Amino acid sequence: DRDLASKGYARTSGGTDAFLINYRMNVHRMLKDLPTGANEYTSYDEKITGTITIEITDPGTRELLWSGSVDTGVYGYSLFSTKTMAIENAVRDTLASLPESR
C-alpha cells in the first residue's frame, strides 16, 4: 500500500475496482557441494533465490495493464523478519517502474 500510495494510487472501499493486483513468488533452492579433504564429510553451500512478479490487470477484461518482476536472493536469512524485509525490498524494487497514477 505504501509503495502504491507514493505513486498516487489509493485503496478504495466499495464501488468499482480500477485494477486488480496479482503477485507470485517463485523460490529456488540450490545446493552446491563444497570440496572437502579426504575422509571428511561433504559439506553444502545453500543459496535460496526467488523471482517476484507483480501484474496489474483490468478487472473487466482481465487485460494485462502492467507487469514487473525482480530476482532476489534470500541467502543467509534465517530470521523471519529479515526474510520479510528482503521480500518488501524486492516488491519496492519491482514497483519502482510502475507509472504514477494520472
PDB file of N, CA and C in Angstrom:
ATOM      1  N   ASP A   1       0.809  -1.201   0.000  1.00  0.00           N
ATOM      2  CA  ASP A   1       0.000   0.000   0.000  1.00  0.00           C
ATOM      3  C   ASP A   1       0.856   1.271   0.000  1.00  0.00           C
ATOM      4  N   ARG A   2       1.902   1.250   0.802  1.00  0.00           N
ATOM      5  CA  ARG A   2       2.779   2.431   0.918  1.00  0.00           C
ATOM      6  C   ARG A   2       3.445   2.752  -0.418  1.00  0.00           C
ATOM      7  N   ASP A   3       3.924   1.710  -1.094  1.00  0.00           N
ATOM      8  CA  ASP A   3       4.606   1.936  -2.375  1.00  0.00           C
ATOM      9  C   ASP A   3       3.632   2.412  -3.453  1.00  0.00           C
ATOM     10  N   LEU A   4       2.423   1.871  -3.446  1.00  0.00           N
ATOM     11  CA  LEU A   4       1.414   2.324  -4.404  1.00  0.00           C
ATOM     12  C   LEU A   4       0.967   3.747  -4.095  1.00  0.00           C
ATOM     13  N   ALA A   5       0.815   4.071  -2.812  1.00  0.00           N
ATOM     14  CA  ALA A   5       0.416   5.425  -2.421  1.00  0.00           C
ATOM     15  C   ALA A   5       1.451   6.450  -2.857  1.00  0.00           C
ATOM     16  N   SER A   6       2.725   6.073  -2.818  1.00  0.00           N
ATOM     17  CA  SER A   6       3.775   7.011  -3.239  1.00  0.00           C
ATOM     18  C   SER A   6       3.694   7.318  -4.731  1.00  0.00           C
ATOM     19  N   LYS A   7       2.983   6.463  -5.475  1.00  0.00           N
ATOM     20  CA  LYS A   7       2.783   6.682  -6.909  1.00  0.00           C
ATOM     21  C   LYS A   7       1.438   7.336  -7.201  1.00  0.00           C
ATOM     22  N   GLY A   8       0.679   7.662  -6.149  1.00  0.00           N
ATOM     23  CA  GLY A   8      -0.600   8.331  -6.326  1.00  0.00           C
ATOM     24  C   GLY A   8      -1.803   7.409  -6.364  1.00  0.00           C
ATOM     25  N   TYR A   9      -1.625   6.129  -6.074  1.00  0.00           N
ATOM     26  CA  TYR A   9      -2.732   5.181  -6.056  1.00  0.00           C
ATOM     27  C   TYR A   9      -3.290   5.090  -4.639  1.00  0.00           C
ATOM     28  N   ALA A  10      -4.609   4.899  -4.539  1.00  0.00           N
ATOM     29  CA  ALA A  10      -5.250   4.815  -3.227  1.00  0.00           C
ATOM     30  C   ALA A  10      -6.209   3.634  -3.203  1.00  0.00           C
ATOM     31  N   ARG A  11      -6.260   2.981  -2.056  1.00  0.00           N
ATOM     32  CA  ARG A  11      -7.203   1.880  -1.858  1.00  0.00           C
ATOM     33  C   ARG A  11      -8.594   2.481  -1.703  1.00  0.00           C
ATOM     34  N   THR A  12      -9.581   1.834  -2.316  1.00  0.00           N
ATOM     35  CA  THR A  12     -10.958   2.311  -2.201  1.00  0.00           C
ATOM     36  C   THR A  12     -11.807   1.228  -1.559  1.00  0.00           C
ATOM     37  N   SER A  13     -12.893   1.645  -0.951  1.00  0.00           N
ATOM     38  CA  SER A  13     -13.836   0.665  -0.412  1.00  0.00           C
ATOM     39  C   SER A  13     -15.167   0.869  -1.115  1.00  0.00           C
ATOM     40  N   GLY A  14     -15.695  -0.214  -1.623  1.00  0.00           N
ATOM     41  CA  GLY A  14     -16.947  -0.126  -2.375  1.00  0.00           C
ATOM     42  C   GLY A  14     -16.689   0.401  -3.778  1.00  0.00           C
ATOM     43  N   GLY A  15     -17.707   0.439  -4.578  1.00  0.00           N
ATOM     44  CA  GLY A  15     -17.553   0.945  -5.939  1.00  0.00           C
ATOM     45  C   GLY A  15     -16.900  -0.072  -6.854  1.00  0.00           C
ATOM     46  N   THR A  16     -16.428   0.408  -7.981  1.00  0.00           N
ATOM     47  CA  THR A  16     -15.815  -0.447  -8.985  1.00  0.00           C
ATOM     48  C   THR A  16     -14.300  -0.400  -8.856  1.00  0.00           C
ATOM     49  N   ASP A  17     -13.673  -1.556  -8.925  1.00  0.00           N
ATOM     50  CA  ASP A  17     -12.216  -1.612  -8.869  1.00  0.00           C
ATOM     51  C   ASP A  17     -11.620  -1.032 -10.144  1.00  0.00           C
ATOM     52  N   ALA A  18     -10.593  -0.210  -9.999  1.00  0.00           N
ATOM     53  CA  ALA A  18      -9.899   0.354 -11.147  1.00  0.00           C
ATOM     54  C   ALA A  18      -8.952  -0.668 -11.762  1.00  0.00           C
ATOM     55  N   PHE A  19      -8.370  -1.498 -10.921  1.00  0.00           N
ATOM     56  CA  PHE A  19      -7.476  -2.550 -11.411  1.00  0.00           C
ATOM     57  C   PHE A  19      -7.319  -3.615 -10.328  1.00  0.00           C
ATOM     58  N   LEU A  20      -6.810  -4.764 -10.749  1.00  0.00           N
ATOM     59  CA  LEU A  20      -6.519  -5.870  -9.829  1.00  0.00           C
ATOM     60  C   LEU A  20      -5.016  -6.087  -9.793  1.00  0.00           C
ATOM     61  N   ILE A  21      -4.508  -6.434  -8.630  1.00  0.00           N
ATOM     62  CA  ILE A  21      -3.084  -6.721  -8.484  1.00  0.00           C
ATOM     63  C   ILE A  21      -2.917  -8.210  -8.210  1.00  0.00           C
ATOM     64  N   ASN A  22      -2.158  -8.846  -9.053  1.00  0.00           N
ATOM     65  CA  ASN A  22      -1.817 -10.254  -8.887  1.00  0.00           C
ATOM     66  C   ASN A  22      -0.323 -10.331  -8.614  1.00  0.00           C
ATOM     67  N   TYR A  23       0.084 -11.228  -7.751  1.00  0.00           N
ATOM     68  CA  TYR A  23       1.511 -11.376  -7.490  1.00  0.00           C
ATOM     69  C   TYR A  23       1.847 -12.841  -7.267  1.00  0.00           C
ATOM     70  N   ARG A  24       3.083 -13.163  -7.504  1.00  0.00           N
ATOM     71  CA  ARG A  24       3.564 -14.518  -7.238  1.00  0.00           C
ATOM     72  C   ARG A  24       5.057 -14.459  -6.960  1.00  0.00           C
ATOM     73  N   MET A  25       5.510 -15.435  -6.223  1.00  0.00           N
ATOM     74  CA  MET A  25       6.935 -15.546  -5.930  1.00  0.00           C
ATOM     75  C   MET A  25       7.349 -16.988  -6.174  1.00  0.00           C
ATOM     76  N   ASN A  26       8.307 -17.153  -7.045  1.00  0.00           N
ATOM     77  CA  ASN A  26       8.900 -18.464  -7.299  1.00  0.00           C
ATOM     78  C   ASN A  26      10.205 -18.535  -6.523  1.00  0.00           C
ATOM     79  N   VAL A  27      10.366 -19.589  -5.756  1.00  0.00           N
ATOM     80  CA  VAL A  27      11.558 -19.745  -4.930  1.00  0.00           C
ATOM     81  C   VAL A  27      12.358 -20.931  -5.429  1.00  0.00           C
ATOM     82  N   HIS A  28      13.661 -20.724  -5.507  1.00  0.00           N
ATOM     83  CA  HIS A  28      14.570 -21.774  -5.970  1.00  0.00           C
ATOM     84  C   HIS A  28      15.617 -22.021  -4.892  1.00  0.00           C
ATOM     85  N   ARG A  29      15.786 -23.263  -4.536  1.00  0.00           N
ATOM     86  CA  ARG A  29      16.789 -23.640  -3.537  1.00  0.00           C
ATOM     87  C   ARG A  29      17.891 -24.398  -4.256  1.00  0.00           C
ATOM     88  N   MET A  30      19.107 -23.904  -4.123  1.00  0.00           N
ATOM     89  CA  MET A  30      20.241 -24.534  -4.788  1.00  0.00           C
ATOM     90  C   MET A  30      21.247 -25.007  -3.748  1.00  0.00           C
ATOM     91  N   LEU A  31      21.647 -26.249  -3.877  1.00  0.00           N
ATOM     92  CA  LEU A  31      22.683 -26.803  -3.023  1.00  0.00           C
ATOM     93  C   LEU A  31      23.915 -27.062  -3.873  1.00  0.00           C
ATOM     94  N   LYS A  32      25.051 -26.696  -3.365  1.00  0.00           N
ATOM     95  CA  LYS A  32      26.299 -26.879  -4.096  1.00  0.00           C
ATOM     96  C   LYS A  32      27.263 -27.638  -3.186  1.00  0.00           C
ATOM     97  N   ASP A  33      27.806 -28.736  -3.712  1.00  0.00           N
ATOM     98  CA  ASP A  33      28.815 -29.486  -2.954  1.00  0.00           C
ATOM     99  C   ASP A  33      30.064 -28.634  -2.808  1.00  0.00           C
ATOM    100  N   LEU A  34      30.587 -28.606  -1.623  1.00  0.00           N
ATOM    101  CA  LEU A  34      31.847 -27.918  -1.380  1.00  0.00           C
ATOM    102  C   LEU A  34      32.943 -28.962  -1.201  1.00  0.00           C
ATOM    103  N   PRO A  35      34.072 -28.763  -1.850  1.00  0.00           N
ATOM    104  CA  PRO A  35      35.143 -29.754  -1.717  1.00  0.00           C
ATOM    105  C   PRO A  35      35.664 -29.825  -0.286  1.00  0.00           C
ATOM    106  N   THR A  36      35.919 -31.029   0.146  1.00  0.00           N
ATOM    107  CA  THR A  36      36.487 -31.230   1.476  1.00  0.00           C
ATOM    108  C   THR A  36      37.702 -32.129   1.341  1.00  0.00           C
ATOM    109  N   GLY A  37      38.451 -32.231   2.393  1.00  0.00           N
ATOM    110  CA  GLY A  37      39.629 -33.087   2.381  1.00  0.00           C
ATOM    111  C   GLY A  37      39.238 -34.552   2.369  1.00  0.00           C
ATOM    112  N   ALA A  38      40.207 -35.403   2.199  1.00  0.00           N
ATOM    113  CA  ALA A  38      39.980 -36.845   2.174  1.00  0.00           C
ATOM    114  C   ALA A  38      39.386 -37.303   3.501  1.00  0.00           C
ATOM    115  N   ASN A  39      38.489 -38.281   3.416  1.00  0.00           N
ATOM    116  CA  ASN A  39      37.867 -38.902   4.584  1.00  0.00           C
ATOM    117  C   ASN A  39      37.071 -37.913   5.450  1.00  0.00           C
ATOM    118  N   GLU A  40      36.570 -36.864   4.848  1.00  0.00           N
ATOM    119  CA  GLU A  40      35.737 -35.917   5.583  1.00  0.00           C
ATOM    120  C   GLU A  40      34.334 -35.940   4.993  1.00  0.00           C
ATOM    121  N   TYR A  41      33.372 -35.491   5.790  1.00  0.00           N
ATOM    122  CA  TYR A  41      32.011 -35.413   5.297  1.00  0.00           C
ATOM    123  C   TYR A  41      31.909 -34.298   4.256  1.00  0.00           C
ATOM    124  N   THR A  42      31.047 -34.519   3.267  1.00  0.00           N
ATOM    125  CA  THR A  42      30.801 -33.493   2.258  1.00  0.00           C
ATOM    126  C   THR A  42      29.976 -32.383   2.880  1.00  0.00           C
ATOM    127  N   SER A  43      30.327 -31.166   2.557  1.00  0.00           N
ATOM    128  CA  SER A  43      29.527 -30.045   3.045  1.00  0.00           C
ATOM    129  C   SER A  43      28.821 -29.382   1.864  1.00  0.00           C
ATOM    130  N   TYR A  44      27.794 -28.621   2.181  1.00  0.00           N
ATOM    131  CA  TYR A  44      26.982 -27.986   1.155  1.00  0.00           C
ATOM    132  C   TYR A  44      26.887 -26.490   1.405  1.00  0.00           C
ATOM    133  N   ASP A  45      26.797 -25.769   0.307  1.00  0.00           N
ATOM    134  CA  ASP A  45      26.518 -24.341   0.360  1.00  0.00           C
ATOM    135  C   ASP A  45      25.096 -24.188  -0.162  1.00  0.00           C
ATOM    136  N   GLU A  46      24.230 -23.587   0.626  1.00  0.00           N
ATOM    137  CA  GLU A  46      22.845 -23.422   0.229  1.00  0.00           C
ATOM    138  C   GLU A  46      22.574 -21.968  -0.134  1.00  0.00           C
ATOM    139  N   LYS A  47      21.910 -21.782  -1.249  1.00  0.00           N
ATOM    140  CA  LYS A  47      21.512 -20.448  -1.676  1.00  0.00           C
ATOM    141  C   LYS A  47      20.046 -20.504  -2.079  1.00  0.00           C
ATOM    142  N   ILE A  48      19.262 -19.594  -1.536  1.00  0.00           N
ATOM    143  CA  ILE A  48      17.850 -19.519  -1.870  1.00  0.00           C
ATOM    144  C   ILE A  48      17.618 -18.214  -2.619  1.00  0.00           C
ATOM    145  N   THR A  49      17.064 -18.328  -3.811  1.00  0.00           N
ATOM    146  CA  THR A  49      16.761 -17.156  -4.618  1.00  0.00           C
ATOM    147  C   THR A  49      15.285 -17.198  -5.006  1.00  0.00           C
ATOM    148  N   GLY A  50      14.778 -16.073  -5.420  1.00  0.00           N
ATOM    149  CA  GLY A  50      13.388 -16.039  -5.836  1.00  0.00           C
ATOM    150  C   GLY A  50      13.137 -14.958  -6.864  1.00  0.00           C
ATOM    151  N   THR A  51      12.045 -15.108  -7.571  1.00  0.00           N
ATOM    152  CA  THR A  51      11.577 -14.101  -8.517  1.00  0.00           C
ATOM    153  C   THR A  51      10.199 -13.652  -8.074  1.00  0.00           C
ATOM    154  N   ILE A  52      10.046 -12.367  -7.857  1.00  0.00           N
ATOM    155  CA  ILE A  52       8.749 -11.804  -7.509  1.00  0.00           C
ATOM    156  C   ILE A  52       8.194 -11.126  -8.754  1.00  0.00           C
ATOM    157  N   THR A  53       6.969 -11.497  -9.124  1.00  0.00           N
ATOM    158  CA  THR A  53       6.300 -10.912 -10.279  1.00  0.00           C
ATOM    159  C   THR A  53       5.001 -10.270  -9.818  1.00  0.00           C
ATOM    160  N   ILE A  54       4.773  -9.042 -10.242  1.00  0.00           N
ATOM    161  CA  ILE A  54       3.540  -8.316  -9.933  1.00  0.00           C
ATOM    162  C   ILE A  54       2.885  -7.952 -11.260  1.00  0.00           C
ATOM    163  N   GLU A  55       1.596  -8.267 -11.373  1.00  0.00           N
ATOM    164  CA  GLU A  55       0.844  -7.949 -12.582  1.00  0.00           C
ATOM    165  C   GLU A  55      -0.393  -7.133 -12.206  1.00  0.00           C
ATOM    166  N   ILE A  56      -0.671  -6.110 -12.971  1.00  0.00           N
ATOM    167  CA  ILE A  56      -1.864  -5.293 -12.775  1.00  0.00           C
ATOM    168  C   ILE A  56      -2.755  -5.509 -13.990  1.00  0.00           C
ATOM    169  N   THR A  57      -4.001  -5.902 -13.720  1.00  0.00           N
ATOM    170  CA  THR A  57      -4.920  -6.235 -14.804  1.00  0.00           C
ATOM    171  C   THR A  57      -6.208  -5.417 -14.690  1.00  0.00           C
ATOM    172  N   ASP A  58      -6.881  -5.286 -15.816  1.00  0.00           N
ATOM    173  CA  ASP A  58      -8.191  -4.655 -15.872  1.00  0.00           C
ATOM    174  C   ASP A  58      -9.198  -5.645 -15.285  1.00  0.00           C
ATOM    175  N   PRO A  59     -10.036  -5.226 -14.309  1.00  0.00           N
ATOM    176  CA  PRO A  59     -10.946  -6.171 -13.675  1.00  0.00           C
ATOM    177  C   PRO A  59     -12.046  -6.694 -14.599  1.00  0.00           C
ATOM    178  N   GLY A  60     -12.424  -5.915 -15.602  1.00  0.00           N
ATOM    179  CA  GLY A  60     -13.490  -6.342 -16.505  1.00  0.00           C
ATOM    180  C   GLY A  60     -13.009  -7.256 -17.612  1.00  0.00           C
ATOM    181  N   THR A  61     -11.904  -6.866 -18.246  1.00  0.00           N
ATOM    182  CA  THR A  61     -11.417  -7.611 -19.409  1.00  0.00           C
ATOM    183  C   THR A  61     -10.292  -8.585 -19.076  1.00  0.00           C
ATOM    184  N   ARG A  62      -9.713  -8.437 -17.892  1.00  0.00           N
ATOM    185  CA  ARG A  62      -8.536  -9.230 -17.457  1.00  0.00           C
ATOM    186  C   ARG A  62      -7.310  -8.935 -18.324  1.00  0.00           C
ATOM    187  N   GLU A  63      -7.370  -7.825 -19.078  1.00  0.00           N
ATOM    188  CA  GLU A  63      -6.229  -7.418 -19.899  1.00  0.00           C
ATOM    189  C   GLU A  63      -5.075  -6.994 -18.985  1.00  0.00           C
ATOM    190  N   LEU A  64      -3.878  -7.421 -19.335  1.00  0.00           N
ATOM    191  CA  LEU A  64      -2.686  -7.046 -18.576  1.00  0.00           C
ATOM    192  C   LEU A  64      -2.356  -5.582 -18.859  1.00  0.00           C
ATOM    193  N   LEU A  65      -2.340  -4.767 -17.803  1.00  0.00           N
ATOM    194  CA  LEU A  65      -2.044  -3.348 -17.942  1.00  0.00           C
ATOM    195  C   LEU A  65      -0.582  -3.034 -17.656  1.00  0.00           C
ATOM    196  N   TRP A  66       0.010  -3.793 -16.740  1.00  0.00           N
ATOM    197  CA  TRP A  66       1.407  -3.561 -16.361  1.00  0.00           C
ATOM    198  C   TRP A  66       1.947  -4.817 -15.700  1.00  0.00           C
ATOM    199  N   SER A  67       3.219  -5.071 -15.904  1.00  0.00           N
ATOM    200  CA  SER A  67       3.864  -6.215 -15.269  1.00  0.00           C
ATOM    201  C   SER A  67       5.292  -5.841 -14.918  1.00  0.00           C
ATOM    202  N   GLY A  68       5.741  -6.299 -13.763  1.00  0.00           N
ATOM    203  CA  GLY A  68       7.124  -6.080 -13.352  1.00  0.00           C
ATOM    204  C   GLY A  68       7.601  -7.262 -12.532  1.00  0.00           C
ATOM    205  N   SER A  69       8.891  -7.534 -12.617  1.00  0.00           N
ATOM    206  CA  SER A  69       9.447  -8.628 -11.815  1.00  0.00           C
ATOM    207  C   SER A  69      10.875  -8.290 -11.431  1.00  0.00           C
ATOM    208  N   VAL A  70      11.319  -8.941 -10.380  1.00  0.00           N
ATOM    209  CA  VAL A  70      12.677  -8.749  -9.903  1.00  0.00           C
ATOM    210  C   VAL A  70      13.155 -10.067  -9.299  1.00  0.00           C
ATOM    211  N   ASP A  71      14.421 -10.367  -9.520  1.00  0.00           N
ATOM    212  CA  ASP A  71      15.061 -11.518  -8.889  1.00  0.00           C
ATOM    213  C   ASP A  71      15.692 -11.057  -7.596  1.00  0.00           C
ATOM    214  N   THR A  72      15.568 -11.862  -6.574  1.00  0.00           N
ATOM    215  CA  THR A  72      16.123 -11.503  -5.281  1.00  0.00           C
ATOM    216  C   THR A  72      16.746 -12.722  -4.627  1.00  0.00           C
ATOM    217  N   GLY A  73      17.763 -12.486  -3.862  1.00  0.00           N
ATOM    218  CA  GLY A  73      18.384 -13.559  -3.105  1.00  0.00           C
ATOM    219  C   GLY A  73      18.003 -13.447  -1.649  1.00  0.00           C
ATOM    220  N   VAL A  74      17.717 -14.561  -1.038  1.00  0.00           N
ATOM    221  CA  VAL A  74      17.430 -14.569   0.392  1.00  0.00           C
ATOM    222  C   VAL A  74      18.466 -15.433   1.101  1.00  0.00           C
ATOM    223  N   TYR A  75      19.640 -15.488   0.542  1.00  0.00           N
ATOM    224  CA  TYR A  75      20.732 -16.284   1.072  1.00  0.00           C
ATOM    225  C   TYR A  75      21.113 -15.830   2.474  1.00  0.00           C
ATOM    226  N   GLY A  76      21.186 -16.772   3.368  1.00  0.00           N
ATOM    227  CA  GLY A  76      21.662 -16.483   4.704  1.00  0.00           C
ATOM    228  C   GLY A  76      20.647 -15.838   5.618  1.00  0.00           C
ATOM    229  N   TYR A  77      19.424 -15.629   5.160  1.00  0.00           N
ATOM    230  CA  TYR A  77      18.412 -15.015   6.006  1.00  0.00           C
ATOM    231  C   TYR A  77      17.711 -16.102   6.807  1.00  0.00           C
ATOM    232  N   SER A  78      17.969 -16.173   8.073  1.00  0.00           N
ATOM    233  CA  SER A  78      17.347 -17.208   8.889  1.00  0.00           C
ATOM    234  C   SER A  78      16.183 -16.672   9.706  1.00  0.00           C
ATOM    235  N   LEU A  79      16.153 -15.401   9.965  1.00  0.00           N
ATOM    236  CA  LEU A  79      15.082 -14.829  10.757  1.00  0.00           C
ATOM    237  C   LEU A  79      13.925 -14.414   9.855  1.00  0.00           C
ATOM    238  N   PHE A  80      12.710 -14.680  10.316  1.00  0.00           N
ATOM    239  CA  PHE A  80      11.527 -14.336   9.526  1.00  0.00           C
ATOM    240  C   PHE A  80      11.496 -12.852   9.196  1.00  0.00           C
ATOM    241  N   SER A  81      11.827 -12.002  10.171  1.00  0.00           N
ATOM    242  CA  SER A  81      11.773 -10.554   9.937  1.00  0.00           C
ATOM    243  C   SER A  81      12.755 -10.133   8.848  1.00  0.00           C
ATOM    244  N   THR A  82      13.901 -10.780   8.775  1.00  0.00           N
ATOM    245  CA  THR A  82      14.887 -10.454   7.748  1.00  0.00           C
ATOM    246  C   THR A  82      14.398 -10.900   6.377  1.00  0.00           C
ATOM    247  N   LYS A  83      13.780 -12.082   6.305  1.00  0.00           N
ATOM    248  CA  LYS A  83      13.221 -12.556   5.039  1.00  0.00           C
ATOM    249  C   LYS A  83      12.107 -11.619   4.588  1.00  0.00           C
ATOM    250  N   THR A  84      11.259 -11.209   5.525  1.00  0.00           N
ATOM    251  CA  THR A  84      10.168 -10.297   5.201  1.00  0.00           C
ATOM    252  C   THR A  84      10.715  -8.988   4.648  1.00  0.00           C
ATOM    253  N   MET A  85      11.769  -8.471   5.256  1.00  0.00           N
ATOM    254  CA  MET A  85      12.374  -7.228   4.780  1.00  0.00           C
ATOM    255  C   MET A  85      12.932  -7.413   3.366  1.00  0.00           C
ATOM    256  N   ALA A  86      13.543  -8.549   3.086  1.00  0.00           N
ATOM    257  CA  ALA A  86      14.081  -8.813   1.748  1.00  0.00           C
ATOM    258  C   ALA A  86      12.956  -8.839   0.719  1.00  0.00           C
ATOM    259  N   ILE A  87      11.834  -9.446   1.069  1.00  0.00           N
ATOM    260  CA  ILE A  87      10.689  -9.503   0.157  1.00  0.00           C
ATOM    261  C   ILE A  87      10.095  -8.113  -0.039  1.00  0.00           C
ATOM    262  N   GLU A  88       9.944  -7.344   1.041  1.00  0.00           N
ATOM    263  CA  GLU A  88       9.423  -5.980   0.915  1.00  0.00           C
ATOM    264  C   GLU A  88      10.321  -5.123   0.029  1.00  0.00           C
ATOM    265  N   ASN A  89      11.626  -5.264   0.163  1.00  0.00           N
ATOM    266  CA  ASN A  89      12.558  -4.514  -0.687  1.00  0.00           C
ATOM    267  C   ASN A  89      12.420  -4.933  -2.142  1.00  0.00           C
ATOM    268  N   ALA A  90      12.226  -6.225  -2.388  1.00  0.00           N
ATOM    269  CA  ALA A  90      12.061  -6.702  -3.760  1.00  0.00           C
ATOM    270  C   ALA A  90      10.765  -6.168  -4.367  1.00  0.00           C
ATOM    271  N   VAL A  91       9.689  -6.128  -3.579  1.00  0.00           N
ATOM    272  CA  VAL A  91       8.422  -5.573  -4.068  1.00  0.00           C
ATOM    273  C   VAL A  91       8.610  -4.091  -4.390  1.00  0.00           C
ATOM    274  N   ARG A  92       9.280  -3.364  -3.516  1.00  0.00           N
ATOM    275  CA  ARG A  92       9.543  -1.941  -3.749  1.00  0.00           C
ATOM    276  C   ARG A  92      10.349  -1.753  -5.048  1.00  0.00           C
ATOM    277  N   ASP A  93      11.357  -2.584  -5.258  1.00  0.00           N
ATOM    278  CA  ASP A  93      12.161  -2.501  -6.475  1.00  0.00           C
ATOM    279  C   ASP A  93      11.310  -2.783  -7.709  1.00  0.00           C
ATOM    280  N   THR A  94      10.400  -3.758  -7.593  1.00  0.00           N
ATOM    281  CA  THR A  94       9.529  -4.100  -8.716  1.00  0.00           C
ATOM    282  C   THR A  94       8.595  -2.946  -9.056  1.00  0.00           C
ATOM    283  N   LEU A  95       8.000  -2.344  -8.039  1.00  0.00           N
ATOM    284  CA  LEU A  95       7.036  -1.260  -8.265  1.00  0.00           C
ATOM    285  C   LEU A  95       7.691   0.061  -8.665  1.00  0.00           C
ATOM    286  N   ALA A  96       9.002   0.130  -8.591  1.00  0.00           N
ATOM    287  CA  ALA A  96       9.691   1.379  -8.961  1.00  0.00           C
ATOM    288  C   ALA A  96       9.408   1.780 -10.413  1.00  0.00           C
ATOM    289  N   SER A  97       9.203   0.804 -11.280  1.00  0.00           N
ATOM    290  CA  SER A  97       8.951   1.125 -12.694  1.00  0.00           C
ATOM    291  C   SER A  97       7.474   1.316 -13.015  1.00  0.00           C
ATOM    292  N   LEU A  98       6.590   1.174 -12.020  1.00  0.00           N
ATOM    293  CA  LEU A  98       5.161   1.388 -12.228  1.00  0.00           C
ATOM    294  C   LEU A  98       4.911   2.879 -12.486  1.00  0.00           C
ATOM    295  N   PRO A  99       4.203   3.218 -13.550  1.00  0.00           N
ATOM    296  CA  PRO A  99       3.912   4.632 -13.805  1.00  0.00           C
ATOM    297  C   PRO A  99       3.068   5.225 -12.692  1.00  0.00           C
ATOM    298  N   GLU A 100       3.196   6.524 -12.497  1.00  0.00           N
ATOM    299  CA  GLU A 100       2.384   7.202 -11.490  1.00  0.00           C
ATOM    300  C   GLU A 100       0.942   7.294 -11.960  1.00  0.00           C
ATOM    301  N   SER A 101       0.028   7.377 -10.980  1.00  0.00           N
ATOM    302  CA  SER A 101      -1.395   7.499 -11.273  1.00  0.00           C
ATOM    303  C   SER A 101      -1.660   8.820 -11.997  1.00  0.00           C
ATOM    304  N   ARG A 102      -2.615   8.801 -12.895  1.00  0.00           N
ATOM    305  CA  ARG A 102      -2.953  10.028 -13.639  1.00  0.00           C
ATOM    306  C   ARG A 102      -3.993  10.827 -12.944  1.00  0.00           C
TER     307      ARG A 102
END
